[in-house]
Protein backbone atom coordinates (compact mmCIF):
# COMPACT_ATOMS: atom_id res chain seq x y z
CA MET A 1 183.79 -20.29 -52.65
CA ALA A 2 184.63 -16.86 -51.18
CA THR A 3 183.53 -16.26 -47.62
CA ASN A 4 182.67 -13.12 -45.75
CA PRO A 5 185.86 -12.17 -43.80
CA SER A 6 183.83 -11.05 -40.81
CA GLU A 7 182.12 -14.45 -40.67
CA SER A 8 185.28 -16.52 -41.12
CA ALA A 9 187.53 -14.57 -38.77
CA ALA A 10 188.68 -16.52 -35.73
CA PRO A 11 186.98 -15.46 -32.49
CA GLY A 12 188.94 -13.67 -29.85
CA PRO A 13 190.83 -10.39 -29.59
CA GLY A 14 191.86 -8.58 -32.76
CA PRO A 15 194.27 -5.73 -33.46
CA ALA A 16 191.78 -3.11 -32.22
CA THR A 17 192.07 -4.52 -28.72
CA ARG A 18 195.78 -3.75 -28.72
CA ALA A 19 195.39 -0.09 -29.61
CA VAL A 20 196.81 2.09 -26.88
CA SER A 21 194.30 2.80 -24.14
CA GLY A 22 194.00 6.50 -24.87
CA VAL A 23 193.00 5.81 -28.46
CA GLN A 24 190.57 3.03 -27.55
CA GLY A 25 188.56 5.44 -25.42
CA LEU A 26 188.38 8.25 -27.96
CA GLN A 27 185.18 9.43 -29.57
CA PRO A 28 186.14 10.71 -33.05
CA TYR A 29 185.61 14.38 -33.85
CA GLN A 30 182.36 14.84 -35.75
CA PRO A 31 182.62 17.50 -38.48
CA GLY A 32 179.66 19.52 -39.69
CA LYS A 33 177.42 17.78 -42.22
CA PRO A 34 178.24 18.69 -45.84
CA VAL A 35 175.54 20.39 -47.89
CA SER A 36 175.61 17.61 -50.50
CA GLU A 37 174.90 14.95 -47.85
CA LEU A 38 171.96 16.84 -46.40
CA GLU A 39 170.46 17.49 -49.83
CA ARG A 40 170.86 13.83 -50.75
CA GLU A 41 169.31 12.62 -47.49
CA LEU A 42 166.30 14.95 -47.55
CA GLY A 43 165.83 15.41 -51.28
CA ILE A 44 166.18 19.18 -51.02
CA SER A 45 168.30 21.74 -52.85
CA GLU A 46 170.02 25.05 -52.16
CA ALA A 47 170.79 24.21 -48.55
CA VAL A 48 173.14 26.50 -46.66
CA LYS A 49 175.85 25.33 -44.27
CA LEU A 50 176.32 27.48 -41.16
CA ALA A 51 177.90 24.82 -38.97
CA SER A 52 181.67 25.06 -39.39
CA ASN A 53 182.60 28.75 -39.06
CA GLU A 54 183.67 29.03 -42.68
CA ASN A 55 184.11 32.38 -44.43
CA PRO A 56 180.91 32.97 -46.47
CA LEU A 57 182.90 35.06 -48.97
CA GLY A 58 185.16 32.13 -49.79
CA PRO A 59 188.89 32.46 -50.43
CA SER A 60 190.66 35.45 -51.89
CA PRO A 61 190.54 35.47 -55.73
CA ARG A 62 194.31 35.83 -55.59
CA ALA A 63 194.55 32.63 -53.56
CA VAL A 64 192.37 30.76 -56.06
CA GLU A 65 194.52 31.97 -58.96
CA ALA A 66 197.72 31.00 -57.17
CA ALA A 67 196.34 27.54 -56.35
CA ARG A 68 195.43 26.91 -59.98
CA GLY A 69 198.87 28.05 -61.05
CA VAL A 70 200.67 25.20 -59.30
CA LEU A 71 198.37 22.33 -60.27
CA GLY A 72 200.42 21.64 -63.38
CA GLU A 73 203.34 20.80 -61.09
CA ALA A 74 201.36 18.37 -58.96
CA HIS A 75 203.80 15.57 -59.78
CA VAL A 76 206.57 17.38 -57.88
CA TYR A 77 206.85 17.17 -54.10
CA PRO A 78 206.12 20.46 -52.34
CA ASP A 79 208.84 22.49 -50.68
CA GLY A 80 209.18 20.54 -47.44
CA ASN A 81 210.44 23.63 -45.63
CA ALA A 82 207.86 25.97 -47.24
CA PHE A 83 210.54 28.65 -47.51
CA GLU A 84 208.42 31.39 -49.12
CA LEU A 85 205.35 30.91 -46.94
CA LYS A 86 207.36 30.74 -43.72
CA ALA A 87 209.29 33.86 -44.72
CA ALA A 88 206.03 35.72 -45.35
CA LEU A 89 204.55 34.60 -42.04
CA ALA A 90 207.75 35.50 -40.19
CA ALA A 91 207.67 38.98 -41.71
CA ARG A 92 204.00 39.34 -40.79
CA HIS A 93 204.68 38.51 -37.13
CA GLY A 94 208.12 40.08 -36.80
CA VAL A 95 209.90 36.83 -36.01
CA ASP A 96 212.55 34.62 -37.57
CA PRO A 97 211.36 31.92 -40.03
CA ALA A 98 212.86 29.36 -37.65
CA GLN A 99 210.05 30.27 -35.24
CA ILE A 100 207.30 29.12 -37.63
CA THR A 101 205.90 25.57 -37.69
CA LEU A 102 203.43 24.72 -40.44
CA GLY A 103 200.61 22.23 -40.12
CA ASN A 104 197.92 20.52 -42.14
CA GLY A 105 195.48 22.93 -40.52
CA SER A 106 196.06 24.27 -37.02
CA ASN A 107 194.51 21.00 -35.79
CA GLU A 108 197.69 19.21 -36.80
CA VAL A 109 199.79 21.80 -35.00
CA LEU A 110 197.80 21.13 -31.81
CA GLU A 111 198.41 17.42 -32.28
CA LEU A 112 202.14 18.03 -32.78
CA ILE A 113 202.22 19.94 -29.51
CA ALA A 114 200.48 17.08 -27.71
CA ARG A 115 202.79 14.45 -29.22
CA THR A 116 205.84 16.46 -28.23
CA TRP A 117 204.96 17.31 -24.60
CA LEU A 118 202.14 15.05 -23.42
CA ALA A 119 202.42 11.43 -22.26
CA PRO A 120 201.17 9.19 -19.45
CA GLY A 121 201.95 10.87 -16.12
CA ARG A 122 201.62 14.35 -17.62
CA ALA A 123 198.59 16.60 -17.92
CA SER A 124 197.06 19.32 -20.03
CA VAL A 125 194.90 22.11 -18.60
CA PHE A 126 192.06 23.84 -20.43
CA SER A 127 188.67 25.37 -19.82
CA ALA A 128 185.32 23.69 -20.04
CA HIS A 129 183.51 24.50 -23.29
CA ALA A 130 186.86 24.88 -25.10
CA PHE A 131 187.80 23.55 -28.53
CA ALA A 132 187.10 19.81 -28.83
CA VAL A 133 190.56 19.01 -30.18
CA TYR A 134 192.25 19.72 -26.82
CA PRO A 135 190.76 16.71 -25.02
CA LEU A 136 191.14 14.55 -28.12
CA VAL A 137 194.88 15.09 -28.52
CA THR A 138 195.40 14.83 -24.77
CA GLN A 139 193.62 11.51 -24.43
CA ALA A 140 195.36 10.06 -27.49
CA THR A 141 198.71 10.53 -25.76
CA GLY A 142 197.54 8.91 -22.52
CA ALA A 143 197.91 12.16 -20.60
CA GLU A 144 195.44 13.54 -18.06
CA ALA A 145 193.00 16.22 -19.22
CA ARG A 146 192.29 18.74 -16.45
CA VAL A 147 189.09 20.45 -17.53
CA VAL A 148 188.54 23.60 -15.46
CA PRO A 149 184.98 24.91 -14.92
CA ALA A 150 184.29 28.06 -16.90
CA VAL A 151 183.03 31.41 -15.70
CA SER A 152 179.38 31.34 -14.64
CA ALA A 153 176.69 31.49 -17.29
CA ASP A 154 175.34 34.51 -15.41
CA ASP A 155 178.56 36.53 -15.72
CA ALA A 156 177.59 39.88 -17.23
CA ARG A 157 180.58 40.22 -19.54
CA GLN A 158 181.94 36.76 -20.36
CA PRO A 159 179.37 34.04 -19.67
CA PHE A 160 181.01 30.62 -20.10
CA GLY A 161 184.42 32.32 -20.55
CA HIS A 162 187.79 31.07 -19.32
CA ASP A 163 188.35 31.29 -15.57
CA LEU A 164 192.08 32.01 -15.67
CA ASP A 165 192.49 32.00 -11.88
CA ALA A 166 190.94 28.55 -11.65
CA MET A 167 193.08 27.34 -14.55
CA ARG A 168 196.23 28.66 -12.88
CA ALA A 169 195.36 26.69 -9.75
CA ARG A 170 195.36 23.43 -11.72
CA VAL A 171 198.88 23.92 -13.08
CA ASP A 172 201.58 21.97 -11.25
CA ASP A 173 204.77 20.12 -12.15
CA ASP A 174 202.80 17.48 -14.09
CA ALA A 175 200.97 20.04 -16.22
CA ALA A 176 203.04 20.07 -19.40
CA VAL A 177 200.62 21.98 -21.66
CA VAL A 178 197.98 24.65 -21.07
CA PHE A 179 195.51 25.45 -23.86
CA VAL A 180 193.86 28.88 -24.01
CA ALA A 181 191.59 29.54 -27.00
CA ASN A 182 191.32 33.29 -27.56
CA PRO A 183 188.65 33.84 -28.74
CA ASN A 184 187.16 30.52 -27.76
CA ASN A 185 185.16 28.16 -29.95
CA PRO A 186 182.23 27.54 -29.49
CA THR A 187 181.45 30.31 -26.99
CA GLY A 188 183.03 33.27 -28.80
CA THR A 189 184.37 34.61 -25.48
CA TRP A 190 187.79 36.23 -25.19
CA VAL A 191 190.49 37.27 -22.73
CA ASP A 192 192.03 40.74 -22.73
CA ALA A 193 195.75 41.43 -22.94
CA GLN A 194 196.27 42.38 -19.31
CA ALA A 195 194.56 39.29 -17.89
CA LEU A 196 196.11 36.89 -20.37
CA GLU A 197 199.66 38.19 -19.98
CA ALA A 198 199.36 38.00 -16.19
CA PHE A 199 198.25 34.39 -16.60
CA VAL A 200 201.17 33.58 -18.90
CA ALA A 201 203.65 35.28 -16.55
CA ALA A 202 202.44 33.06 -13.70
CA MET A 203 203.07 29.83 -15.60
CA PRO A 204 206.12 27.66 -14.82
CA PRO A 205 208.76 28.22 -17.51
CA GLN A 206 208.76 24.54 -18.46
CA THR A 207 205.00 24.50 -19.13
CA VAL A 208 203.98 25.08 -22.74
CA VAL A 209 201.23 27.70 -22.94
CA VAL A 210 199.27 27.40 -26.18
CA ILE A 211 197.35 30.53 -27.19
CA ASP A 212 194.98 29.37 -29.91
CA GLU A 213 194.16 32.41 -32.05
CA ALA A 214 192.25 30.72 -34.87
CA TYR A 215 189.68 33.54 -34.99
CA ALA A 216 192.01 36.42 -34.13
CA GLU A 217 191.58 38.31 -37.40
CA TYR A 218 187.86 38.77 -36.73
CA VAL A 219 188.31 40.40 -33.31
CA GLU A 220 187.89 44.17 -33.18
CA GLU A 221 187.67 44.63 -29.40
CA ASP A 222 189.99 47.10 -27.66
CA GLY A 223 192.44 45.24 -25.48
CA TYR A 224 192.49 42.04 -27.54
CA PRO A 225 196.12 40.80 -27.57
CA ASP A 226 198.33 39.45 -30.31
CA ALA A 227 200.25 36.91 -28.26
CA THR A 228 202.95 36.54 -30.93
CA ARG A 229 204.32 39.85 -29.58
CA TRP A 230 205.12 38.20 -26.25
CA LEU A 231 207.53 35.50 -27.40
CA ASP A 232 210.69 37.38 -26.40
CA ARG A 233 209.40 37.65 -22.83
CA TYR A 234 207.75 34.21 -22.60
CA PRO A 235 209.61 31.56 -24.62
CA ASN A 236 207.21 28.87 -23.38
CA VAL A 237 204.31 30.44 -25.35
CA VAL A 238 203.11 28.87 -28.60
CA VAL A 239 200.59 30.81 -30.67
CA THR A 240 198.53 28.86 -33.20
CA ARG A 241 196.81 30.39 -36.21
CA THR A 242 194.85 29.04 -39.18
CA PHE A 243 194.05 29.86 -42.81
CA SER A 244 190.73 28.02 -42.47
CA LYS A 245 188.70 30.94 -41.12
CA ILE A 246 189.13 34.49 -42.38
CA GLN A 247 191.34 33.45 -45.32
CA GLY A 248 188.68 30.96 -46.44
CA LEU A 249 191.08 28.09 -47.13
CA ALA A 250 189.53 25.42 -44.89
CA GLY A 251 189.48 22.90 -47.74
CA LEU A 252 193.23 23.17 -48.27
CA ARG A 253 194.16 22.55 -44.60
CA LEU A 254 196.79 25.08 -43.64
CA GLY A 255 197.72 26.31 -40.19
CA TYR A 256 200.83 27.31 -38.28
CA ALA A 257 202.42 27.99 -34.93
CA VAL A 258 204.61 30.91 -33.90
CA SER A 259 206.93 30.12 -31.01
CA SER A 260 210.51 30.37 -29.82
CA ALA A 261 212.99 28.71 -32.15
CA PRO A 262 213.80 25.87 -29.67
CA VAL A 263 210.09 25.05 -29.36
CA ALA A 264 209.66 25.12 -33.14
CA ASP A 265 212.65 22.80 -33.47
CA MET A 266 210.95 20.27 -31.19
CA LEU A 267 207.71 20.48 -33.17
CA ASN A 268 209.49 20.02 -36.47
CA ARG A 269 211.09 16.83 -35.19
CA VAL A 270 207.68 15.14 -35.07
CA ARG A 271 206.13 16.98 -38.04
CA GLN A 272 205.80 14.75 -41.09
CA PRO A 273 207.74 15.72 -44.24
CA PHE A 274 205.60 17.46 -46.87
CA ASN A 275 202.68 17.85 -44.45
CA VAL A 276 201.59 21.04 -46.26
CA ASN A 277 200.94 20.51 -49.95
CA ALA A 278 202.04 22.82 -52.76
CA VAL A 279 198.52 24.10 -53.51
CA ALA A 280 197.99 25.13 -49.89
CA GLN A 281 201.38 26.82 -49.75
CA ALA A 282 200.73 28.85 -52.91
CA ALA A 283 197.18 29.79 -51.91
CA GLY A 284 198.25 30.72 -48.38
CA LEU A 285 201.02 32.98 -49.61
CA ALA A 286 198.64 34.80 -51.96
CA ALA A 287 195.95 35.07 -49.27
CA LEU A 288 198.35 36.85 -46.95
CA GLU A 289 198.86 39.53 -49.58
CA ASP A 290 195.15 40.25 -50.14
CA SER A 291 194.39 42.74 -47.37
CA ASP A 292 191.24 43.93 -49.18
CA HIS A 293 189.67 40.48 -48.88
CA ILE A 294 190.47 40.41 -45.17
CA ARG A 295 188.95 43.84 -44.58
CA HIS A 296 185.81 42.91 -46.52
CA SER A 297 185.48 39.66 -44.55
CA VAL A 298 185.77 41.55 -41.25
CA ALA A 299 183.16 44.09 -42.31
CA VAL A 300 180.66 41.44 -43.41
CA ASN A 301 181.20 39.56 -40.16
CA ARG A 302 180.77 42.69 -38.05
CA GLU A 303 177.40 43.43 -39.64
CA GLY A 304 176.31 39.80 -39.43
CA LEU A 305 177.19 39.48 -35.74
CA VAL A 306 175.07 42.53 -34.93
CA GLN A 307 172.21 41.18 -37.05
CA LEU A 308 172.19 37.73 -35.47
CA ASP A 309 172.71 38.94 -31.90
CA ARG A 310 169.89 41.48 -32.20
CA GLU A 311 167.38 39.11 -33.76
CA LEU A 312 168.15 36.16 -31.50
CA ARG A 313 167.67 38.34 -28.43
CA ALA A 314 164.45 39.67 -29.93
CA MET A 315 163.20 36.07 -29.96
CA GLY A 316 163.84 35.94 -26.21
CA LEU A 317 166.83 33.61 -26.56
CA ARG A 318 169.87 33.70 -24.29
CA VAL A 319 172.91 34.57 -26.42
CA ILE A 320 176.59 34.23 -25.53
CA PRO A 321 178.32 37.46 -26.65
CA SER A 322 180.80 36.56 -29.41
CA VAL A 323 183.78 38.22 -31.06
CA GLY A 324 184.36 35.43 -33.58
CA ASN A 325 182.59 34.59 -36.83
CA PHE A 326 179.92 32.53 -35.07
CA ILE A 327 177.39 32.95 -32.31
CA THR A 328 176.09 30.42 -29.77
CA PHE A 329 172.73 30.62 -28.04
CA ASP A 330 170.43 28.60 -25.82
CA THR A 331 167.42 27.33 -27.74
CA GLY A 332 165.51 26.84 -24.49
CA THR A 333 164.28 23.47 -25.70
CA ASP A 334 165.44 20.18 -27.24
CA VAL A 335 168.32 21.40 -29.39
CA ASN A 336 168.45 18.24 -31.48
CA ALA A 337 164.80 18.66 -32.44
CA VAL A 338 165.47 22.29 -33.40
CA HIS A 339 168.54 21.21 -35.36
CA ASP A 340 166.52 18.62 -37.25
CA ARG A 341 163.78 21.14 -38.11
CA LEU A 342 166.39 23.59 -39.37
CA GLN A 343 167.94 20.94 -41.58
CA ARG A 344 164.58 20.11 -43.10
CA ARG A 345 164.38 23.79 -44.01
CA GLY A 346 167.77 23.60 -45.68
CA VAL A 347 169.87 25.19 -42.91
CA ILE A 348 172.77 23.36 -41.24
CA ALA A 349 173.82 24.73 -37.83
CA ARG A 350 175.74 23.00 -35.01
CA PRO A 351 174.43 21.67 -31.69
CA VAL A 352 177.17 21.97 -29.07
CA GLU A 353 175.99 19.62 -26.35
CA ASN A 354 179.30 17.76 -26.73
CA TYR A 355 181.00 20.94 -25.46
CA GLY A 356 179.03 20.79 -22.22
CA LEU A 357 176.43 23.28 -23.44
CA PRO A 358 173.13 21.38 -23.48
CA GLY A 359 170.37 23.09 -25.40
CA HIS A 360 172.79 25.37 -27.22
CA LEU A 361 173.20 25.84 -30.95
CA ARG A 362 176.14 27.48 -32.71
CA VAL A 363 175.64 29.23 -36.03
CA THR A 364 178.23 30.70 -38.38
CA VAL A 365 177.91 34.37 -39.23
CA SER A 366 177.24 34.57 -42.96
CA THR A 367 175.95 37.08 -45.46
CA ALA A 368 172.90 39.19 -44.57
CA GLU A 369 170.78 37.03 -46.87
CA ASP A 370 171.90 33.72 -45.38
CA ASN A 371 171.63 35.09 -41.86
CA GLU A 372 168.03 36.09 -42.50
CA ARG A 373 167.30 32.69 -44.01
CA PHE A 374 168.61 31.06 -40.84
CA LEU A 375 166.59 33.39 -38.61
CA ALA A 376 163.39 32.73 -40.54
CA ALA A 377 163.98 28.97 -40.36
CA LEU A 378 164.72 29.23 -36.63
CA ARG A 379 161.49 31.12 -35.95
CA GLU A 380 159.59 28.33 -37.65
CA ALA A 381 161.60 25.62 -35.85
CA LEU A 382 160.85 27.18 -32.46
CA ALA A 383 157.15 27.84 -33.16
């Protein structure tokens, strides 16, 4: 008679106990809840997801058409070197294709950086309230994560922003990687060109400085830098970008790094063959060519940011000024209770207590209609 394996297993340590210590201590990244799961759980319909900073306009129609066009060749391995996509990205950034590293989303690129330069006895440096992947990839390698307190919540211009002076002070010979998200998720804060370049110039040449520009295309502020323009002066800089946000290709997982060629060579030594599939490559190439879709996405986001910021402040809520496609605010109460009430009204947002922001909720900027639906649900949830 068959037995339950968990009941018949011999007592004592199993394979999980031999996982490396950094992995054993990890808490897995928790993605935003899918609409289908919420609707199934609560028996509701027409829910809206505003938890994962996705483009409410979806992908470019050109990208969709290009993706469909390669499905008939799904039995063929993709171009492992992604020649056409890398050439297009290189032309976009004014670099050589050998300076481009592709990833299964920019998350994978961040992991490749960690696997290449972090290890026990080394450290990464990043700000509090920064992207959750930085501590995850650091801990998985057994390296030390040096989390630097952010700018005060009472700072008039950049509450909860990066304190670059404090970060610089934590960089020593053991600090192999520095992560700077610009703009930062989940706060939406940003660093201007003058301050960021001064920070980069002060870094030891052997320290890899990662400028994470996942939301760069949304930023319209004067003085916002494109760090890919600095690579000739600072060969230790790695700039990461993604197709998951403004290009609307989150479901296809496509990201990349722009760096010096020697840095890209190191990253490609640990990158898995065929890590970017043919559908993502085709869609990404077409998305780059659709400037109208990008402009429309920026315009919709600009209007939505103003709408959400204005109405949240009108409710008396403390809002963190954002330049991304999301906005984070202090609910002033039990954020999990507010989150639950929103979900029961068919709106999925994102509590960010795990980022060291208790009481705060992050919401994606969407269409005017969806923004208003969120605001109406929030008023009821806070009543």
